Structure formats: structure tokens, C-alpha cells
Protein backbone atom coordinates (compact mmCIF):
# COMPACT_ATOMS: atom_id res chain seq x y z
CA MET A 1 -3.14 87.05 77.63
CA ALA A 2 -4.11 83.65 79.00
CA SER A 3 -1.63 80.81 78.75
CA GLU A 4 -2.35 77.82 76.57
CA SER A 5 -4.25 74.94 78.09
CA THR A 6 -4.38 71.33 77.00
CA VAL A 7 -8.00 70.38 76.37
CA GLN A 8 -9.87 67.33 75.14
CA VAL A 9 -11.85 67.84 71.95
CA LEU A 10 -14.80 65.51 71.37
CA ILE A 11 -15.03 64.71 67.67
CA PRO A 12 -18.47 63.86 66.25
CA THR A 13 -18.78 60.83 63.99
CA PRO A 14 -19.06 62.84 60.72
CA LEU A 15 -15.69 64.55 61.41
CA ARG A 16 -13.74 61.48 62.53
CA ARG A 17 -12.55 60.87 58.98
CA PHE A 18 -10.24 63.84 59.58
CA THR A 19 -8.91 62.43 62.89
CA ASP A 20 -8.16 58.89 61.72
CA GLY A 21 -11.28 57.68 63.50
CA GLU A 22 -10.39 59.20 66.88
CA SER A 23 -13.42 60.27 68.92
CA ARG A 24 -11.40 62.55 71.20
CA VAL A 25 -8.12 64.32 70.68
CA GLU A 26 -5.96 66.65 72.76
CA VAL A 27 -4.97 70.10 71.58
CA SER A 28 -3.65 73.23 73.25
CA GLY A 29 -5.08 76.71 73.20
CA ALA A 30 -5.92 79.66 75.43
CA THR A 31 -9.31 80.12 73.74
CA VAL A 32 -11.78 78.05 71.73
CA GLY A 33 -10.47 79.74 68.57
CA ASP A 34 -6.88 78.80 69.46
CA ALA A 35 -7.96 75.20 70.06
CA LEU A 36 -9.70 75.13 66.68
CA ASP A 37 -6.54 76.51 65.03
CA ALA A 38 -4.50 73.75 66.69
CA LEU A 39 -7.06 71.15 65.62
CA GLU A 40 -6.81 72.35 62.00
CA ALA A 41 -3.00 72.32 62.12
CA ARG A 42 -3.08 68.71 63.27
CA PHE A 43 -6.03 67.56 61.17
CA PRO A 44 -6.21 69.66 57.97
CA GLY A 45 -9.69 70.15 56.54
CA ILE A 46 -11.62 69.89 59.80
CA ASP A 47 -11.82 73.63 60.46
CA GLU A 48 -13.85 74.47 57.34
CA ARG A 49 -16.52 72.08 58.63
CA VAL A 50 -16.66 73.98 61.96
CA ARG A 51 -16.05 77.65 61.03
CA ASP A 52 -17.21 79.78 58.14
CA ASP A 53 -15.04 81.97 55.89
CA SER A 54 -15.10 84.79 58.46
CA GLY A 55 -13.78 82.45 61.17
CA GLN A 56 -17.02 82.30 63.10
CA ILE A 57 -18.77 79.11 64.18
CA ARG A 58 -20.95 77.74 61.41
CA ARG A 59 -24.67 78.20 61.92
CA PHE A 60 -25.37 74.48 62.11
CA VAL A 61 -22.50 73.61 64.46
CA ASN A 62 -22.51 74.03 68.23
CA LEU A 63 -19.40 74.12 70.39
CA PHE A 64 -19.60 73.34 74.09
CA VAL A 65 -16.96 73.88 76.77
CA ASN A 66 -17.70 71.58 79.70
CA GLY A 67 -21.31 71.32 78.55
CA GLN A 68 -21.91 75.06 78.12
CA ASN A 69 -22.61 76.42 74.64
CA VAL A 70 -19.90 78.93 73.69
CA ARG A 71 -22.57 81.04 71.95
CA ASP A 72 -23.81 81.82 75.48
CA ARG A 73 -20.29 82.86 76.49
CA ASP A 74 -17.66 84.59 74.34
CA GLY A 75 -17.95 82.48 71.18
CA ILE A 76 -14.57 81.53 69.76
CA ALA A 77 -12.95 83.92 72.27
CA THR A 78 -14.22 81.75 75.17
CA PRO A 79 -11.20 81.08 77.41
CA LEU A 80 -10.07 77.52 78.09
CA SER A 81 -8.56 76.06 81.25
CA PRO A 82 -6.38 72.94 81.55
CA GLY A 83 -8.52 69.81 81.39
CA ASP A 84 -11.53 71.48 79.78
CA GLU A 85 -13.60 69.47 77.33
CA LEU A 86 -14.53 71.06 74.01
CA GLY A 87 -17.37 69.31 72.26
CA ILE A 88 -18.15 69.80 68.57
CA ILE A 89 -21.81 69.05 68.04
CA PRO A 90 -23.40 69.26 64.59
CA ALA A 91 -26.94 70.57 64.87
CA MET A 92 -29.55 67.93 64.19
CA ALA A 93 -32.38 68.55 61.78
CA GLY A 94 -35.53 67.21 63.28
CA GLY A 95 -39.01 66.22 62.42
CA SER A 96 -42.03 65.84 64.63
CA ALA A 97 -42.35 63.03 67.11
CA ALA A 98 -45.81 61.99 66.08
């Protein structure tokens, strides 16, 4: 099993109420799921905004590790390395650019 890595998590504006206004926080974890668990332990209530009841990433949330969508990798099992950046990006609803 991979060892835990300290990573930076980028917190989107709608979730900063859980992090006392912080836009980036450090957590440890060997995988994206571990990092999300650590984030929830530190900031209770944030995880239910990111993951559904089955523990998977919510449909309208995207997670990126160093700019790469984890859905294109191993999802919440995506491994993390020291210094990685995990971005939580709520999907944007859009209209047409007329």
C-alpha cells in the first residue's frame, strides 16, 4: 500500500464556509479517497458535498489531481504523491453564448 502524502486541496468558494474561508488546505492521504476522508475529519460536513452516499464522487463535482480529472484515472482510488494538488471543482451549469 502506498504511504500517505501531504497534498494541497483547492477549496471552491461554495465550500469555503466549511474551511473557515480558506481557499487551500493541506491534508494527508495515499489516495484521493484518503485525502477526502482527512478533509472531512478536519472540516466536518464538506464530504457530503463532494461524495454521494455510496462514497463515489457526486455527479456534478469534478476532482482534479495536478490538473487531470480523476474520472479519467482511478477515481477516488487515484494515488497521490507528496506535493500533489487536489482541486475540487463544482460543475458549472451553462447556457448558450449568444
